Structure formats: C-alpha cells, structure tokens
Amino acid sequence: MSGVRINPKRAYRQGTLDPIVELEQIARIHFEHEERLMVECDYPDLPTHATEHAMLLLEVQTYKDKPVFGTQQLTRVLYNWLTCHMMMVDRTMAIYVRAFRIGACEVTESSEYIEIH
C-alpha cells in the first residue's frame, strides 16, 4: 500500500504488516466511513466526533515511529478506541444514523438529545 512505512527496527513475520501500521490503516478507513455517514445524516455532533478521530489517529501515529512499541502502549490505544470511543461515542452516533435512515429522528437546535418517534 502506498505511503505505508514500516519501521525496520521492529521485526515481524515476513508478509505481515507492523501491527501499529495495520491498526492505523484500519482506523483511518473506519473513521472516514463514519464521517461520511455523519455528513450524509447531518449528524449534529460531527465536529466533536471527528476531533476524537483525529486525536485517536494522532495517538497511533505517536507510537508508529518508535523503535519499540510495547504491549502496554498498544493496550492503551486499543482501550481508548474500543472502550471509550466505540462503546460511548460511536454508539450514540449509530443510534442517530439508524433513526435518521428510517425517518424517525428529530433533532432541534435547542435539543442536545436524540428524540426517536
């Protein structure tokens, strides 16, 4: 894949991607897909959600160029992404998108919640 850099100081089985590079690729694709969905559905919390995506990618990139990426660091990145972001932020967005698609979602400027009819 073009633009992918693998740090030669870290050795991995031949034919496999550096796990942190692979995590970054998967995250980038996932975030781009989510952000397109949010734009299509006029999701009111898009700016905040996209900022979280950028922060998570920055965290991954911080470790990408390090010669040693330990299990603790990877665990922290995955915990932040899977537990904090996906289970809380993405879940709210998914409910909104699902409701929007069936036409049951009504969000007013003054409301900070999703009302499903």
N, C-alpha and C. Protein backbone atom coordinates (compact mmCIF):
# COMPACT_ATOMS: atom_id res chain seq x y z
N MET A 1 0.85 -1.17 0.00
CA MET A 1 0.00 0.00 0.00
C MET A 1 0.90 1.23 0.00
N SER A 2 0.61 2.14 -0.85
CA SER A 2 1.38 3.36 -1.00
C SER A 2 1.34 4.21 0.27
N GLY A 3 2.49 4.76 0.64
CA GLY A 3 2.55 5.65 1.78
C GLY A 3 2.69 4.97 3.12
N VAL A 4 2.71 3.64 3.15
CA VAL A 4 2.85 2.92 4.41
C VAL A 4 4.32 2.74 4.70
N ARG A 5 4.71 3.15 5.89
CA ARG A 5 6.10 2.99 6.30
C ARG A 5 6.15 1.98 7.43
N ILE A 6 7.05 1.03 7.30
CA ILE A 6 7.25 0.05 8.35
C ILE A 6 8.62 0.31 8.95
N ASN A 7 8.66 0.49 10.25
CA ASN A 7 9.91 0.77 10.94
C ASN A 7 10.79 -0.48 10.91
N PRO A 8 11.98 -0.41 10.25
CA PRO A 8 12.83 -1.59 10.13
C PRO A 8 13.43 -2.05 11.45
N LYS A 9 13.36 -1.22 12.47
CA LYS A 9 13.91 -1.59 13.78
C LYS A 9 13.01 -2.58 14.50
N ARG A 10 11.79 -2.75 14.02
CA ARG A 10 10.87 -3.72 14.62
C ARG A 10 10.75 -4.89 13.66
N ALA A 11 10.96 -6.06 14.16
CA ALA A 11 10.90 -7.25 13.31
C ALA A 11 9.56 -7.96 13.48
N TYR A 12 8.93 -8.27 12.37
CA TYR A 12 7.68 -9.01 12.37
C TYR A 12 7.80 -10.11 11.33
N ARG A 13 6.94 -11.10 11.44
CA ARG A 13 6.98 -12.19 10.47
C ARG A 13 6.89 -11.63 9.07
N GLN A 14 7.63 -12.23 8.18
CA GLN A 14 7.61 -11.78 6.79
C GLN A 14 6.20 -11.92 6.22
N GLY A 15 5.78 -10.92 5.50
CA GLY A 15 4.46 -10.95 4.89
C GLY A 15 3.36 -10.37 5.76
N THR A 16 3.67 -9.98 6.99
CA THR A 16 2.67 -9.35 7.84
C THR A 16 3.04 -7.90 8.06
N LEU A 17 2.03 -7.09 8.22
CA LEU A 17 2.26 -5.68 8.49
C LEU A 17 2.61 -5.48 9.95
N ASP A 18 3.36 -4.46 10.19
CA ASP A 18 3.61 -4.00 11.55
C ASP A 18 2.24 -3.76 12.17
N PRO A 19 1.95 -4.32 13.34
CA PRO A 19 0.60 -4.18 13.92
C PRO A 19 0.14 -2.73 14.07
N ILE A 20 1.03 -1.83 14.41
CA ILE A 20 0.60 -0.44 14.60
C ILE A 20 0.27 0.21 13.26
N VAL A 21 0.98 -0.16 12.19
CA VAL A 21 0.66 0.36 10.86
C VAL A 21 -0.69 -0.18 10.42
N GLU A 22 -0.92 -1.46 10.69
CA GLU A 22 -2.20 -2.07 10.33
C GLU A 22 -3.35 -1.42 11.13
N LEU A 23 -3.13 -1.18 12.41
CA LEU A 23 -4.13 -0.51 13.24
C LEU A 23 -4.45 0.87 12.67
N GLU A 24 -3.42 1.60 12.27
CA GLU A 24 -3.64 2.93 11.72
C GLU A 24 -4.46 2.86 10.43
N GLN A 25 -4.16 1.90 9.56
CA GLN A 25 -4.89 1.76 8.31
C GLN A 25 -6.37 1.44 8.57
N ILE A 26 -6.60 0.50 9.46
CA ILE A 26 -7.97 0.11 9.79
C ILE A 26 -8.73 1.28 10.40
N ALA A 27 -8.09 1.99 11.32
CA ALA A 27 -8.73 3.13 11.97
C ALA A 27 -9.06 4.22 10.96
N ARG A 28 -8.13 4.52 10.07
CA ARG A 28 -8.35 5.57 9.07
C ARG A 28 -9.55 5.24 8.18
N ILE A 29 -9.62 4.01 7.72
CA ILE A 29 -10.74 3.57 6.87
C ILE A 29 -12.05 3.65 7.65
N HIS A 30 -12.03 3.15 8.87
CA HIS A 30 -13.22 3.17 9.74
C HIS A 30 -13.69 4.61 9.98
N PHE A 31 -12.76 5.49 10.32
CA PHE A 31 -13.11 6.88 10.62
C PHE A 31 -13.65 7.60 9.39
N GLU A 32 -13.03 7.37 8.23
CA GLU A 32 -13.52 8.01 7.00
C GLU A 32 -14.95 7.56 6.69
N HIS A 33 -15.22 6.27 6.87
CA HIS A 33 -16.56 5.75 6.63
C HIS A 33 -17.56 6.39 7.60
N GLU A 34 -17.23 6.42 8.87
CA GLU A 34 -18.11 7.02 9.87
C GLU A 34 -18.39 8.48 9.57
N GLU A 35 -17.36 9.22 9.22
CA GLU A 35 -17.52 10.65 8.97
C GLU A 35 -18.39 10.90 7.74
N ARG A 36 -18.29 10.04 6.72
CA ARG A 36 -19.18 10.17 5.57
C ARG A 36 -20.63 9.94 5.98
N LEU A 37 -20.85 8.91 6.82
CA LEU A 37 -22.20 8.65 7.33
C LEU A 37 -22.74 9.85 8.09
N MET A 38 -21.91 10.43 8.93
CA MET A 38 -22.35 11.56 9.74
C MET A 38 -22.71 12.77 8.87
N VAL A 39 -21.94 12.99 7.80
CA VAL A 39 -22.24 14.09 6.88
C VAL A 39 -23.57 13.83 6.18
N GLU A 40 -23.74 12.59 5.68
CA GLU A 40 -24.98 12.23 4.98
C GLU A 40 -26.21 12.41 5.86
N CYS A 41 -26.06 12.15 7.15
CA CYS A 41 -27.19 12.22 8.08
C CYS A 41 -27.27 13.55 8.82
N ASP A 42 -26.40 14.48 8.45
CA ASP A 42 -26.36 15.78 9.12
C ASP A 42 -26.26 15.62 10.64
N TYR A 43 -25.33 14.76 11.05
CA TYR A 43 -25.15 14.45 12.48
C TYR A 43 -24.69 15.69 13.23
N PRO A 44 -25.42 16.11 14.25
CA PRO A 44 -25.12 17.38 14.93
C PRO A 44 -23.79 17.38 15.70
N ASP A 45 -23.29 16.23 16.07
CA ASP A 45 -22.05 16.19 16.86
C ASP A 45 -20.83 15.83 16.00
N LEU A 46 -20.96 16.00 14.68
CA LEU A 46 -19.86 15.66 13.77
C LEU A 46 -18.54 16.32 14.13
N PRO A 47 -18.49 17.63 14.39
CA PRO A 47 -17.19 18.25 14.68
C PRO A 47 -16.47 17.62 15.88
N THR A 48 -17.20 17.37 16.95
CA THR A 48 -16.61 16.76 18.14
C THR A 48 -16.17 15.34 17.86
N HIS A 49 -17.00 14.60 17.16
CA HIS A 49 -16.70 13.21 16.84
C HIS A 49 -15.46 13.12 15.95
N ALA A 50 -15.38 13.96 14.93
CA ALA A 50 -14.24 13.98 14.02
C ALA A 50 -12.96 14.38 14.77
N THR A 51 -13.09 15.27 15.73
CA THR A 51 -11.92 15.66 16.55
C THR A 51 -11.42 14.47 17.34
N GLU A 52 -12.32 13.67 17.88
CA GLU A 52 -11.90 12.46 18.59
C GLU A 52 -11.18 11.50 17.66
N HIS A 53 -11.67 11.38 16.43
CA HIS A 53 -10.99 10.52 15.46
C HIS A 53 -9.56 11.02 15.23
N ALA A 54 -9.42 12.31 15.04
CA ALA A 54 -8.10 12.89 14.81
C ALA A 54 -7.18 12.65 16.00
N MET A 55 -7.71 12.76 17.21
CA MET A 55 -6.90 12.53 18.41
C MET A 55 -6.47 11.07 18.52
N LEU A 56 -7.37 10.14 18.19
CA LEU A 56 -7.01 8.73 18.23
C LEU A 56 -5.95 8.40 17.18
N LEU A 57 -6.07 8.96 15.98
CA LEU A 57 -5.05 8.75 14.95
C LEU A 57 -3.72 9.35 15.36
N LEU A 58 -3.76 10.51 15.99
CA LEU A 58 -2.53 11.13 16.47
C LEU A 58 -1.84 10.24 17.50
N GLU A 59 -2.64 9.64 18.37
CA GLU A 59 -2.10 8.73 19.37
C GLU A 59 -1.42 7.53 18.71
N VAL A 60 -2.06 6.98 17.69
CA VAL A 60 -1.47 5.85 16.96
C VAL A 60 -0.18 6.30 16.28
N GLN A 61 -0.20 7.46 15.64
CA GLN A 61 0.98 7.96 14.93
C GLN A 61 2.13 8.26 15.88
N THR A 62 1.82 8.64 17.11
CA THR A 62 2.85 8.92 18.10
C THR A 62 3.72 7.69 18.33
N TYR A 63 3.08 6.53 18.32
CA TYR A 63 3.81 5.29 18.57
C TYR A 63 4.39 4.67 17.31
N LYS A 64 3.88 5.06 16.17
CA LYS A 64 4.24 4.40 14.91
C LYS A 64 5.73 4.44 14.62
N ASP A 65 6.38 5.53 14.90
CA ASP A 65 7.79 5.68 14.57
C ASP A 65 8.73 5.27 15.69
N LYS A 66 8.18 4.81 16.80
CA LYS A 66 9.04 4.38 17.90
C LYS A 66 9.63 3.01 17.59
N PRO A 67 10.92 2.81 17.91
CA PRO A 67 11.54 1.52 17.64
C PRO A 67 10.92 0.37 18.42
N VAL A 68 10.38 0.67 19.59
CA VAL A 68 9.76 -0.37 20.40
C VAL A 68 8.35 0.07 20.75
N PHE A 69 7.43 -0.73 20.39
CA PHE A 69 6.03 -0.44 20.72
C PHE A 69 5.57 -1.57 21.61
N GLY A 70 5.50 -1.30 22.88
CA GLY A 70 5.20 -2.34 23.85
C GLY A 70 3.73 -2.69 23.94
N THR A 71 3.48 -3.79 24.58
CA THR A 71 2.13 -4.29 24.77
C THR A 71 1.29 -3.30 25.56
N GLN A 72 1.89 -2.65 26.55
CA GLN A 72 1.13 -1.69 27.36
C GLN A 72 0.62 -0.52 26.52
N GLN A 73 1.49 -0.01 25.65
CA GLN A 73 1.07 1.11 24.80
C GLN A 73 -0.05 0.70 23.86
N LEU A 74 0.10 -0.47 23.24
CA LEU A 74 -0.92 -0.95 22.32
C LEU A 74 -2.24 -1.18 23.06
N THR A 75 -2.15 -1.73 24.25
CA THR A 75 -3.34 -1.96 25.06
C THR A 75 -4.03 -0.65 25.36
N ARG A 76 -3.27 0.39 25.69
CA ARG A 76 -3.85 1.71 25.99
C ARG A 76 -4.56 2.30 24.78
N VAL A 77 -3.91 2.22 23.62
CA VAL A 77 -4.52 2.75 22.39
C VAL A 77 -5.82 2.01 22.09
N LEU A 78 -5.77 0.69 22.15
CA LEU A 78 -6.96 -0.11 21.86
C LEU A 78 -8.06 0.13 22.88
N TYR A 79 -7.69 0.26 24.14
CA TYR A 79 -8.69 0.53 25.19
C TYR A 79 -9.39 1.86 24.92
N ASN A 80 -8.59 2.89 24.62
CA ASN A 80 -9.17 4.22 24.35
C ASN A 80 -10.11 4.16 23.16
N TRP A 81 -9.71 3.44 22.13
CA TRP A 81 -10.51 3.38 20.92
C TRP A 81 -11.74 2.50 21.13
N LEU A 82 -11.52 1.27 21.58
CA LEU A 82 -12.63 0.32 21.67
C LEU A 82 -13.60 0.64 22.79
N THR A 83 -13.08 0.90 23.96
CA THR A 83 -13.95 1.09 25.10
C THR A 83 -14.52 2.50 25.15
N CYS A 84 -13.64 3.46 25.17
CA CYS A 84 -14.09 4.84 25.35
C CYS A 84 -14.80 5.38 24.10
N HIS A 85 -14.19 5.23 22.95
CA HIS A 85 -14.75 5.83 21.75
C HIS A 85 -15.90 5.00 21.17
N MET A 86 -15.63 3.74 20.86
CA MET A 86 -16.65 2.94 20.17
C MET A 86 -17.87 2.67 21.03
N MET A 87 -17.66 2.34 22.28
CA MET A 87 -18.79 1.95 23.12
C MET A 87 -19.60 3.15 23.60
N MET A 88 -19.03 4.34 23.57
CA MET A 88 -19.77 5.51 24.03
C MET A 88 -20.13 6.42 22.88
N VAL A 89 -19.14 6.95 22.20
CA VAL A 89 -19.36 7.96 21.16
C VAL A 89 -19.97 7.34 19.90
N ASP A 90 -19.38 6.24 19.44
CA ASP A 90 -19.90 5.61 18.22
C ASP A 90 -21.30 5.05 18.42
N ARG A 91 -21.57 4.57 19.59
CA ARG A 91 -22.90 4.00 19.87
C ARG A 91 -23.99 5.07 19.72
N THR A 92 -23.73 6.24 20.25
CA THR A 92 -24.68 7.36 20.13
C THR A 92 -24.88 7.73 18.67
N MET A 93 -23.78 7.79 17.93
CA MET A 93 -23.85 8.13 16.51
C MET A 93 -24.61 7.06 15.74
N ALA A 94 -24.38 5.79 16.05
CA ALA A 94 -25.06 4.70 15.35
C ALA A 94 -26.58 4.74 15.57
N ILE A 95 -26.98 5.06 16.78
CA ILE A 95 -28.42 5.19 17.08
C ILE A 95 -29.02 6.31 16.24
N TYR A 96 -28.31 7.43 16.16
CA TYR A 96 -28.78 8.57 15.38
C TYR A 96 -28.90 8.21 13.90
N VAL A 97 -27.85 7.59 13.36
CA VAL A 97 -27.83 7.23 11.94
C VAL A 97 -28.97 6.25 11.62
N ARG A 98 -29.14 5.26 12.47
CA ARG A 98 -30.21 4.28 12.25
C ARG A 98 -31.58 4.97 12.27
N ALA A 99 -31.79 5.84 13.22
CA ALA A 99 -33.06 6.56 13.31
C ALA A 99 -33.25 7.49 12.11
N PHE A 100 -32.19 8.13 11.69
CA PHE A 100 -32.25 9.03 10.53
C PHE A 100 -32.66 8.25 9.29
N ARG A 101 -32.08 7.07 9.13
CA ARG A 101 -32.36 6.26 7.94
C ARG A 101 -33.80 5.79 7.87
N ILE A 102 -34.42 5.58 9.00
CA ILE A 102 -35.82 5.15 8.96
C ILE A 102 -36.78 6.34 9.09
N GLY A 103 -36.21 7.53 9.17
CA GLY A 103 -37.03 8.73 9.22
C GLY A 103 -37.68 8.98 10.55
N ALA A 104 -37.12 8.42 11.60
CA ALA A 104 -37.73 8.56 12.92
C ALA A 104 -36.93 9.47 13.83
N CYS A 105 -36.06 10.24 13.25
CA CYS A 105 -35.18 11.05 14.08
C CYS A 105 -35.52 12.53 13.93
N GLU A 106 -35.65 13.17 15.04
CA GLU A 106 -35.95 14.59 15.03
C GLU A 106 -35.01 15.26 16.02
N VAL A 107 -34.17 16.14 15.53
CA VAL A 107 -33.24 16.85 16.40
C VAL A 107 -33.43 18.34 16.16
N THR A 108 -33.69 19.06 17.20
CA THR A 108 -33.86 20.51 17.06
C THR A 108 -32.59 21.18 17.54
N GLU A 109 -32.41 22.43 17.13
CA GLU A 109 -31.21 23.16 17.53
C GLU A 109 -31.08 23.26 19.04
N SER A 110 -32.19 23.37 19.72
CA SER A 110 -32.14 23.56 21.17
C SER A 110 -31.94 22.25 21.92
N SER A 111 -32.13 21.11 21.25
CA SER A 111 -32.01 19.85 21.97
C SER A 111 -30.58 19.31 21.88
N GLU A 112 -30.18 18.66 22.93
CA GLU A 112 -28.88 18.01 22.94
C GLU A 112 -29.07 16.52 23.04
N TYR A 113 -30.23 16.06 22.63
CA TYR A 113 -30.52 14.64 22.68
C TYR A 113 -31.21 14.24 21.39
N ILE A 114 -31.30 12.96 21.20
CA ILE A 114 -31.95 12.44 20.01
C ILE A 114 -33.33 11.96 20.43
N GLU A 115 -34.32 12.45 19.74
CA GLU A 115 -35.69 12.04 20.04
C GLU A 115 -36.14 11.09 18.95
N ILE A 116 -36.47 9.87 19.32
CA ILE A 116 -36.92 8.88 18.35
C ILE A 116 -38.40 8.67 18.51
N HIS A 117 -39.12 8.78 17.40
CA HIS A 117 -40.58 8.66 17.41
C HIS A 117 -40.98 7.27 16.97
